[in-house]
Amino acid sequence: MNIPADLRYTSSHEWLRRESDGTITIGITDHAQGQLGDLVFVELPAVGRKVAAGEACAVVESVKAASDVYAPIAGTIVARNDDVPASPETVNQDAYAAWLFRIRPSEPGAIDSLLDARGYQAVIGE
């Protein structure tokens, strides 16, 4: 199982990476894509949308199930990876390269309260 140590995680299987410009890049974890199976559809939030922490803001759908993707922190969507809806399988190939969206956080320190790699491993039983 691939769980990079430099990222933060949520118990709902999102990963977060702090960017140098203060934004936070978000995607679904390798564990999540493995559980879902082959992705066939991804819907991303609109740029400019304000989201609350825990709010469903994207959808990933596989041959097995559809699943919401939650905003792990509050903020404004500032970018989305439009390559992913065109080629959802890229998430299955590399869940950490195929990011979904970026947020400018309302509270920059909010990411620090999320799970580190060891905490996420405990959540998924690895």
N, C-alpha and C. Protein backbone atom coordinates (compact mmCIF):
# COMPACT_ATOMS: atom_id res chain seq x y z
N MET A 1 0.85 -1.19 0.00
CA MET A 1 0.00 0.00 0.00
C MET A 1 0.89 1.24 0.00
N ASN A 2 0.60 2.16 -0.89
CA ASN A 2 1.38 3.38 -1.02
C ASN A 2 0.75 4.49 -0.17
N ILE A 3 1.44 4.91 0.90
CA ILE A 3 0.98 5.98 1.78
C ILE A 3 2.15 6.94 2.00
N PRO A 4 2.33 7.92 1.10
CA PRO A 4 3.47 8.83 1.23
C PRO A 4 3.49 9.56 2.57
N ALA A 5 4.67 9.62 3.17
CA ALA A 5 4.83 10.22 4.50
C ALA A 5 4.70 11.73 4.49
N ASP A 6 4.86 12.37 3.33
CA ASP A 6 4.82 13.84 3.28
C ASP A 6 3.42 14.42 3.09
N LEU A 7 2.41 13.57 3.05
CA LEU A 7 1.04 14.03 2.85
C LEU A 7 0.24 13.94 4.15
N ARG A 8 -0.92 14.57 4.16
CA ARG A 8 -1.90 14.43 5.24
C ARG A 8 -3.09 13.67 4.67
N TYR A 9 -3.89 13.08 5.56
CA TYR A 9 -4.97 12.19 5.14
C TYR A 9 -6.22 12.41 5.98
N THR A 10 -7.35 11.92 5.44
CA THR A 10 -8.59 11.93 6.19
C THR A 10 -9.08 10.49 6.33
N SER A 11 -9.94 10.27 7.30
CA SER A 11 -10.51 8.92 7.47
C SER A 11 -11.49 8.58 6.35
N SER A 12 -11.89 9.60 5.55
CA SER A 12 -12.75 9.34 4.39
C SER A 12 -11.93 9.17 3.11
N HIS A 13 -10.60 8.98 3.27
CA HIS A 13 -9.69 8.55 2.21
C HIS A 13 -9.30 9.62 1.19
N GLU A 14 -9.24 10.88 1.63
CA GLU A 14 -8.65 11.93 0.82
C GLU A 14 -7.21 12.17 1.28
N TRP A 15 -6.34 12.55 0.35
CA TRP A 15 -4.98 12.97 0.72
C TRP A 15 -4.86 14.45 0.44
N LEU A 16 -3.95 15.11 1.17
CA LEU A 16 -3.73 16.55 1.02
C LEU A 16 -2.23 16.83 0.96
N ARG A 17 -1.86 17.74 0.05
CA ARG A 17 -0.47 18.16 -0.07
C ARG A 17 -0.43 19.69 -0.03
N ARG A 18 0.39 20.23 0.86
CA ARG A 18 0.58 21.68 0.97
C ARG A 18 1.46 22.15 -0.18
N GLU A 19 1.01 23.17 -0.90
CA GLU A 19 1.77 23.72 -2.01
C GLU A 19 2.51 24.98 -1.56
N SER A 20 3.53 25.38 -2.31
CA SER A 20 4.35 26.54 -1.93
C SER A 20 3.57 27.86 -1.97
N ASP A 21 2.48 27.90 -2.72
CA ASP A 21 1.69 29.14 -2.80
C ASP A 21 0.60 29.23 -1.73
N GLY A 22 0.59 28.26 -0.81
CA GLY A 22 -0.39 28.28 0.27
C GLY A 22 -1.65 27.49 -0.02
N THR A 23 -1.81 27.01 -1.26
CA THR A 23 -2.98 26.19 -1.57
C THR A 23 -2.74 24.75 -1.11
N ILE A 24 -3.82 23.99 -1.09
CA ILE A 24 -3.76 22.58 -0.70
C ILE A 24 -4.30 21.74 -1.86
N THR A 25 -3.50 20.80 -2.34
CA THR A 25 -3.92 19.89 -3.40
C THR A 25 -4.55 18.66 -2.75
N ILE A 26 -5.66 18.20 -3.34
CA ILE A 26 -6.44 17.10 -2.75
C ILE A 26 -6.74 16.05 -3.81
N GLY A 27 -6.67 14.79 -3.37
CA GLY A 27 -7.04 13.67 -4.23
C GLY A 27 -7.55 12.54 -3.37
N ILE A 28 -7.80 11.39 -3.98
CA ILE A 28 -8.18 10.21 -3.19
C ILE A 28 -6.97 9.31 -3.04
N THR A 29 -6.94 8.57 -1.95
CA THR A 29 -5.77 7.75 -1.64
C THR A 29 -5.67 6.51 -2.52
N ASP A 30 -4.50 5.93 -2.51
CA ASP A 30 -4.27 4.67 -3.22
C ASP A 30 -5.19 3.60 -2.67
N HIS A 31 -5.38 3.58 -1.36
CA HIS A 31 -6.31 2.62 -0.73
C HIS A 31 -7.71 2.80 -1.29
N ALA A 32 -8.19 4.05 -1.39
CA ALA A 32 -9.54 4.31 -1.88
C ALA A 32 -9.72 3.84 -3.31
N GLN A 33 -8.75 4.18 -4.18
CA GLN A 33 -8.91 3.77 -5.59
C GLN A 33 -8.88 2.25 -5.70
N GLY A 34 -8.09 1.59 -4.86
CA GLY A 34 -8.04 0.13 -4.87
C GLY A 34 -9.36 -0.50 -4.43
N GLN A 35 -10.00 0.11 -3.44
CA GLN A 35 -11.29 -0.38 -2.97
C GLN A 35 -12.40 -0.15 -4.00
N LEU A 36 -12.33 0.99 -4.69
CA LEU A 36 -13.35 1.31 -5.68
C LEU A 36 -13.21 0.46 -6.94
N GLY A 37 -12.00 0.14 -7.33
CA GLY A 37 -11.78 -0.57 -8.58
C GLY A 37 -11.64 0.42 -9.73
N ASP A 38 -11.83 -0.04 -10.94
CA ASP A 38 -11.61 0.79 -12.13
C ASP A 38 -12.56 1.97 -12.17
N LEU A 39 -12.00 3.18 -12.11
CA LEU A 39 -12.82 4.38 -12.17
C LEU A 39 -13.29 4.62 -13.60
N VAL A 40 -14.56 5.01 -13.73
CA VAL A 40 -15.14 5.26 -15.05
C VAL A 40 -15.70 6.67 -15.18
N PHE A 41 -15.83 7.40 -14.06
CA PHE A 41 -16.42 8.74 -14.09
C PHE A 41 -15.91 9.53 -12.89
N VAL A 42 -15.56 10.80 -13.14
CA VAL A 42 -15.16 11.71 -12.06
C VAL A 42 -15.82 13.05 -12.32
N GLU A 43 -16.46 13.60 -11.29
CA GLU A 43 -17.06 14.94 -11.36
C GLU A 43 -16.34 15.81 -10.34
N LEU A 44 -15.82 16.95 -10.80
CA LEU A 44 -15.04 17.84 -9.94
C LEU A 44 -15.82 19.11 -9.62
N PRO A 45 -15.47 19.77 -8.50
CA PRO A 45 -16.16 21.01 -8.14
C PRO A 45 -15.73 22.17 -9.05
N ALA A 46 -16.57 23.17 -9.14
CA ALA A 46 -16.27 24.35 -9.95
C ALA A 46 -15.24 25.23 -9.25
N VAL A 47 -14.35 25.81 -10.04
CA VAL A 47 -13.40 26.79 -9.51
C VAL A 47 -14.20 27.98 -9.00
N GLY A 48 -13.83 28.47 -7.82
CA GLY A 48 -14.53 29.58 -7.20
C GLY A 48 -15.53 29.15 -6.15
N ARG A 49 -15.88 27.88 -6.14
CA ARG A 49 -16.84 27.37 -5.16
C ARG A 49 -16.23 27.40 -3.76
N LYS A 50 -17.00 27.89 -2.81
CA LYS A 50 -16.58 27.86 -1.41
C LYS A 50 -17.12 26.58 -0.80
N VAL A 51 -16.25 25.86 -0.06
CA VAL A 51 -16.66 24.59 0.55
C VAL A 51 -16.37 24.62 2.05
N ALA A 52 -17.20 23.90 2.78
CA ALA A 52 -16.99 23.73 4.22
C ALA A 52 -16.23 22.43 4.44
N ALA A 53 -15.51 22.35 5.53
CA ALA A 53 -14.82 21.10 5.87
C ALA A 53 -15.87 20.00 6.01
N GLY A 54 -15.62 18.87 5.35
CA GLY A 54 -16.54 17.73 5.42
C GLY A 54 -17.64 17.75 4.38
N GLU A 55 -17.70 18.81 3.57
CA GLU A 55 -18.74 18.92 2.54
C GLU A 55 -18.39 18.06 1.33
N ALA A 56 -19.38 17.30 0.84
CA ALA A 56 -19.18 16.54 -0.40
C ALA A 56 -19.05 17.54 -1.54
N CYS A 57 -17.97 17.42 -2.32
CA CYS A 57 -17.76 18.41 -3.39
C CYS A 57 -17.32 17.79 -4.71
N ALA A 58 -17.09 16.50 -4.74
CA ALA A 58 -16.73 15.81 -5.98
C ALA A 58 -17.28 14.39 -5.90
N VAL A 59 -17.31 13.72 -7.04
CA VAL A 59 -17.81 12.35 -7.10
C VAL A 59 -16.84 11.52 -7.93
N VAL A 60 -16.53 10.32 -7.44
CA VAL A 60 -15.79 9.34 -8.24
C VAL A 60 -16.67 8.11 -8.36
N GLU A 61 -16.73 7.57 -9.56
CA GLU A 61 -17.59 6.43 -9.81
C GLU A 61 -16.77 5.34 -10.48
N SER A 62 -16.96 4.11 -10.01
CA SER A 62 -16.24 2.98 -10.59
C SER A 62 -17.24 1.97 -11.12
N VAL A 63 -16.72 0.87 -11.61
CA VAL A 63 -17.61 -0.19 -12.07
C VAL A 63 -18.35 -0.81 -10.89
N LYS A 64 -17.86 -0.61 -9.66
CA LYS A 64 -18.47 -1.18 -8.46
C LYS A 64 -19.39 -0.23 -7.72
N ALA A 65 -19.02 1.06 -7.63
CA ALA A 65 -19.74 1.98 -6.76
C ALA A 65 -19.46 3.43 -7.10
N ALA A 66 -20.32 4.31 -6.62
CA ALA A 66 -20.08 5.75 -6.69
C ALA A 66 -19.76 6.21 -5.28
N SER A 67 -18.86 7.19 -5.17
CA SER A 67 -18.45 7.66 -3.86
C SER A 67 -18.23 9.17 -3.89
N ASP A 68 -18.68 9.83 -2.84
CA ASP A 68 -18.42 11.26 -2.72
C ASP A 68 -16.97 11.48 -2.29
N VAL A 69 -16.42 12.61 -2.72
CA VAL A 69 -15.13 13.08 -2.24
C VAL A 69 -15.43 14.33 -1.43
N TYR A 70 -14.89 14.39 -0.22
CA TYR A 70 -15.20 15.46 0.71
C TYR A 70 -14.07 16.49 0.77
N ALA A 71 -14.46 17.73 1.00
CA ALA A 71 -13.46 18.78 1.23
C ALA A 71 -12.92 18.56 2.64
N PRO A 72 -11.65 18.23 2.78
CA PRO A 72 -11.10 17.95 4.10
C PRO A 72 -10.97 19.20 4.97
N ILE A 73 -10.91 20.35 4.31
CA ILE A 73 -10.79 21.63 5.02
C ILE A 73 -11.67 22.65 4.31
N ALA A 74 -12.04 23.70 5.03
CA ALA A 74 -12.85 24.76 4.44
C ALA A 74 -11.98 25.67 3.58
N GLY A 75 -12.59 26.21 2.53
CA GLY A 75 -11.87 27.14 1.68
C GLY A 75 -12.56 27.33 0.35
N THR A 76 -11.79 27.83 -0.61
CA THR A 76 -12.30 28.11 -1.95
C THR A 76 -11.55 27.26 -2.96
N ILE A 77 -12.28 26.62 -3.85
CA ILE A 77 -11.66 25.83 -4.92
C ILE A 77 -10.96 26.80 -5.87
N VAL A 78 -9.65 26.61 -6.05
CA VAL A 78 -8.88 27.51 -6.91
C VAL A 78 -8.39 26.84 -8.20
N ALA A 79 -8.46 25.51 -8.25
CA ALA A 79 -8.05 24.79 -9.47
C ALA A 79 -8.66 23.40 -9.43
N ARG A 80 -8.79 22.83 -10.60
CA ARG A 80 -9.22 21.44 -10.71
C ARG A 80 -8.43 20.78 -11.82
N ASN A 81 -8.24 19.50 -11.69
CA ASN A 81 -7.45 18.75 -12.67
C ASN A 81 -8.40 18.19 -13.72
N ASP A 82 -8.62 18.96 -14.77
CA ASP A 82 -9.58 18.56 -15.80
C ASP A 82 -9.12 17.37 -16.63
N ASP A 83 -7.87 16.94 -16.47
CA ASP A 83 -7.42 15.72 -17.16
C ASP A 83 -8.08 14.48 -16.56
N VAL A 84 -8.43 14.53 -15.28
CA VAL A 84 -8.98 13.34 -14.61
C VAL A 84 -10.37 12.97 -15.11
N PRO A 85 -11.33 13.90 -15.25
CA PRO A 85 -12.62 13.49 -15.81
C PRO A 85 -12.51 12.92 -17.22
N ALA A 86 -11.57 13.43 -18.00
CA ALA A 86 -11.36 12.92 -19.36
C ALA A 86 -10.74 11.53 -19.36
N SER A 87 -9.94 11.22 -18.33
CA SER A 87 -9.26 9.92 -18.23
C SER A 87 -9.26 9.45 -16.77
N PRO A 88 -10.42 9.01 -16.25
CA PRO A 88 -10.52 8.62 -14.84
C PRO A 88 -9.55 7.52 -14.43
N GLU A 89 -9.12 6.70 -15.38
CA GLU A 89 -8.21 5.60 -15.07
C GLU A 89 -6.86 6.09 -14.56
N THR A 90 -6.53 7.36 -14.79
CA THR A 90 -5.25 7.88 -14.29
C THR A 90 -5.19 7.83 -12.76
N VAL A 91 -6.35 7.93 -12.10
CA VAL A 91 -6.39 7.82 -10.64
C VAL A 91 -6.00 6.41 -10.22
N ASN A 92 -6.46 5.40 -10.95
CA ASN A 92 -6.09 4.02 -10.66
C ASN A 92 -4.61 3.78 -10.91
N GLN A 93 -4.04 4.45 -11.90
CA GLN A 93 -2.64 4.25 -12.24
C GLN A 93 -1.71 4.88 -11.20
N ASP A 94 -2.05 6.08 -10.72
CA ASP A 94 -1.24 6.75 -9.70
C ASP A 94 -2.11 7.77 -8.97
N ALA A 95 -2.69 7.34 -7.86
CA ALA A 95 -3.65 8.17 -7.12
C ALA A 95 -3.03 9.46 -6.60
N TYR A 96 -1.72 9.50 -6.41
CA TYR A 96 -1.09 10.69 -5.85
C TYR A 96 -0.63 11.68 -6.93
N ALA A 97 -0.51 11.22 -8.17
CA ALA A 97 -0.19 12.12 -9.28
C ALA A 97 -1.49 12.69 -9.87
N ALA A 98 -2.55 11.91 -9.84
CA ALA A 98 -3.83 12.31 -10.43
C ALA A 98 -4.67 13.04 -9.38
N TRP A 99 -4.20 14.24 -8.98
CA TRP A 99 -4.93 15.04 -8.01
C TRP A 99 -6.26 15.48 -8.60
N LEU A 100 -7.20 15.85 -7.71
CA LEU A 100 -8.53 16.23 -8.18
C LEU A 100 -8.76 17.74 -8.18
N PHE A 101 -8.47 18.41 -7.04
CA PHE A 101 -8.70 19.84 -6.97
C PHE A 101 -7.77 20.48 -5.94
N ARG A 102 -7.70 21.83 -6.01
CA ARG A 102 -6.90 22.59 -5.05
C ARG A 102 -7.80 23.58 -4.33
N ILE A 103 -7.53 23.75 -3.04
CA ILE A 103 -8.28 24.67 -2.19
C ILE A 103 -7.32 25.73 -1.64
N ARG A 104 -7.81 26.97 -1.60
CA ARG A 104 -7.14 28.00 -0.80
C ARG A 104 -7.86 27.96 0.54
N PRO A 105 -7.18 27.47 1.59
CA PRO A 105 -7.86 27.24 2.87
C PRO A 105 -8.28 28.53 3.56
N SER A 106 -9.45 28.48 4.21
CA SER A 106 -9.92 29.59 5.04
C SER A 106 -9.03 29.72 6.27
N GLU A 107 -8.58 28.56 6.76
CA GLU A 107 -7.73 28.48 7.96
C GLU A 107 -6.47 27.71 7.56
N PRO A 108 -5.35 28.39 7.25
CA PRO A 108 -4.16 27.71 6.74
C PRO A 108 -3.64 26.58 7.64
N GLY A 109 -3.82 26.67 8.93
CA GLY A 109 -3.32 25.63 9.83
C GLY A 109 -4.22 24.41 9.96
N ALA A 110 -5.39 24.43 9.30
CA ALA A 110 -6.36 23.33 9.44
C ALA A 110 -5.77 21.99 9.00
N ILE A 111 -4.88 22.00 8.04
CA ILE A 111 -4.29 20.75 7.53
C ILE A 111 -3.50 20.02 8.63
N ASP A 112 -2.96 20.79 9.58
CA ASP A 112 -2.12 20.19 10.61
C ASP A 112 -2.89 19.27 11.56
N SER A 113 -4.21 19.42 11.62
CA SER A 113 -5.01 18.58 12.52
C SER A 113 -5.42 17.26 11.87
N LEU A 114 -5.09 17.08 10.59
CA LEU A 114 -5.48 15.85 9.89
C LEU A 114 -4.46 14.75 10.13
N LEU A 115 -4.79 13.56 9.69
CA LEU A 115 -3.96 12.38 9.91
C LEU A 115 -2.63 12.46 9.17
N ASP A 116 -1.57 11.99 9.82
CA ASP A 116 -0.31 11.79 9.11
C ASP A 116 -0.34 10.37 8.54
N ALA A 117 0.73 9.97 7.87
CA ALA A 117 0.75 8.66 7.22
C ALA A 117 0.53 7.52 8.22
N ARG A 118 1.14 7.61 9.38
CA ARG A 118 0.99 6.55 10.39
C ARG A 118 -0.46 6.49 10.88
N GLY A 119 -1.07 7.66 11.10
CA GLY A 119 -2.47 7.70 11.53
C GLY A 119 -3.40 7.11 10.49
N TYR A 120 -3.13 7.41 9.21
CA TYR A 120 -3.96 6.86 8.14
C TYR A 120 -3.78 5.35 8.04
N GLN A 121 -2.56 4.87 8.21
CA GLN A 121 -2.32 3.42 8.20
C GLN A 121 -3.16 2.74 9.26
N ALA A 122 -3.27 3.36 10.44
CA ALA A 122 -4.07 2.79 11.52
C ALA A 122 -5.55 2.75 11.14
N VAL A 123 -6.02 3.79 10.46
CA VAL A 123 -7.43 3.86 10.05
C VAL A 123 -7.77 2.72 9.08
N ILE A 124 -6.89 2.43 8.14
CA ILE A 124 -7.18 1.40 7.13
C ILE A 124 -6.69 0.01 7.55
N GLY A 125 -6.08 -0.07 8.71
CA GLY A 125 -5.65 -1.38 9.22
C GLY A 125 -4.43 -1.94 8.54
N GLU A 126 -3.56 -1.07 8.06
CA GLU A 126 -2.32 -1.53 7.40
C GLU A 126 -1.19 -1.61 8.41
